[in-house]
C-alpha atoms as a PDB file:
ATOM      1  CA  UNK A   1     -29.169  31.048-111.806  1.00  0.00           C
ATOM      2  CA  UNK A   2     -28.689  34.207-113.840  1.00  0.00           C
ATOM      3  CA  UNK A   3     -28.895  32.230-117.104  1.00  0.00           C
ATOM      4  CA  UNK A   4     -32.213  30.695-116.075  1.00  0.00           C
ATOM      5  CA  UNK A   5     -33.682  34.120-115.331  1.00  0.00           C
ATOM      6  CA  UNK A   6     -32.566  35.348-118.767  1.00  0.00           C
ATOM      7  CA  UNK A   7     -34.213  32.386-120.476  1.00  0.00           C
ATOM      8  CA  UNK A   8     -37.441  32.920-118.554  1.00  0.00           C
ATOM      9  CA  UNK A   9     -37.407  36.647-119.326  1.00  0.00           C
ATOM     10  CA  UNK A  10     -36.894  36.004-123.048  1.00  0.00           C
ATOM     11  CA  UNK A  11     -39.651  33.378-123.054  1.00  0.00           C
ATOM     12  CA  UNK A  12     -42.059  35.812-121.410  1.00  0.00           C
ATOM     13  CA  UNK A  13     -41.085  38.480-123.942  1.00  0.00           C
ATOM     14  CA  UNK A  14     -41.812  36.078-126.814  1.00  0.00           C
ATOM     15  CA  UNK A  15     -45.180  35.189-125.301  1.00  0.00           C
ATOM     16  CA  UNK A  16     -46.058  38.882-124.867  1.00  0.00           C
ATOM     17  CA  UNK A  17     -45.034  39.675-128.455  1.00  0.00           C
ATOM     18  CA  UNK A  18     -47.054  36.733-129.757  1.00  0.00           C
ATOM     19  CA  UNK A  19     -50.114  37.829-127.790  1.00  0.00           C
ATOM     20  CA  UNK A  20     -49.800  41.417-129.067  1.00  0.00           C
ATOM     21  CA  UNK A  21     -49.502  40.177-132.661  1.00  0.00           C
ATOM     22  CA  UNK A  22     -52.521  37.893-132.272  1.00  0.00           C
ATOM     23  CA  UNK A  23     -54.622  40.702-130.762  1.00  0.00           C
ATOM     24  CA  UNK A  24     -53.622  43.092-133.554  1.00  0.00           C
ATOM     25  CA  UNK A  25     -54.537  40.511-136.201  1.00  0.00           C
ATOM     26  CA  UNK A  26     -57.881  39.847-134.508  1.00  0.00           C
ATOM     27  CA  UNK A  27     -58.630  43.579-134.416  1.00  0.00           C
ATOM     28  CA  UNK A  28     -57.739  43.970-138.105  1.00  0.00           C
ATOM     29  CA  UNK A  29     -59.829  40.909-139.012  1.00  0.00           C
ATOM     30  CA  UNK A  30     -62.865  42.297-137.152  1.00  0.00           C
ATOM     31  CA  UNK A  31     -62.429  45.649-138.904  1.00  0.00           C
ATOM     32  CA  UNK A  32     -62.164  44.083-142.372  1.00  0.00           C
ATOM     33  CA  UNK A  33     -65.088  41.713-141.909  1.00  0.00           C
ATOM     34  CA  UNK A  34     -67.127  44.541-140.401  1.00  0.00           C
ATOM     35  CA  UNK A  35     -66.611  46.581-143.576  1.00  0.00           C
ATOM     36  CA  UNK A  36     -67.513  43.584-145.730  1.00  0.00           C
ATOM     37  CA  UNK A  37     -70.649  43.021-143.679  1.00  0.00           C
ATOM     38  CA  UNK A  38     -71.677  46.674-144.037  1.00  0.00           C
ATOM     39  CA  UNK A  39     -71.140  46.503-147.802  1.00  0.00           C
ATOM     40  CA  UNK A  40     -73.392  43.445-148.104  1.00  0.00           C
ATOM     41  CA  UNK A  41     -76.150  45.078-146.027  1.00  0.00           C
ATOM     42  CA  UNK A  42     -76.385  48.140-148.280  1.00  0.00           C
ATOM     43  CA  UNK A  43     -78.075  46.633-151.300  1.00  0.00           C
ATOM     44  CA  UNK A  44     -79.943  49.137-153.441  1.00  0.00           C
ATOM     45  CA  UNK A  45     -83.666  48.588-153.678  1.00  0.00           C
ATOM     46  CA  UNK A  46     -84.466  48.725-157.386  1.00  0.00           C
ATOM     47  CA  UNK A  47     -87.797  47.615-158.738  1.00  0.00           C
ATOM     48  CA  UNK A  48     -87.630  44.971-161.455  1.00  0.00           C
ATOM     49  CA  UNK A  49     -87.436  46.266-164.967  1.00  0.00           C
ATOM     50  CA  UNK A  50     -85.615  49.490-164.017  1.00  0.00           C
ATOM     51  CA  UNK A  51     -82.731  50.314-166.294  1.00  0.00           C
ATOM     52  CA  UNK A  52     -79.876  52.301-164.819  1.00  0.00           C
ATOM     53  CA  UNK A  53     -78.348  55.145-166.847  1.00  0.00           C
ATOM     54  CA  UNK A  54     -74.931  54.474-168.327  1.00  0.00           C
ATOM     55  CA  UNK A  55     -72.867  57.660-168.473  1.00  0.00           C
ATOM     56  CA  UNK A  56     -69.812  57.089-170.680  1.00  0.00           C
ATOM     57  CA  UNK A  57     -68.593  60.676-170.795  1.00  0.00           C
END
């Protein structure tokens, strides 16, 4: 009976570790895609025919 309890305990530990890893990856994915989304929303509004300065110093 003791062996069965050990197996169950290890299985539950693996499930908990897998869930924690999945949640961490989901959180990182949301953070990364949130930054990408913010970068695509901030497009500069330049009228056509405007030439930007090129500082090569």
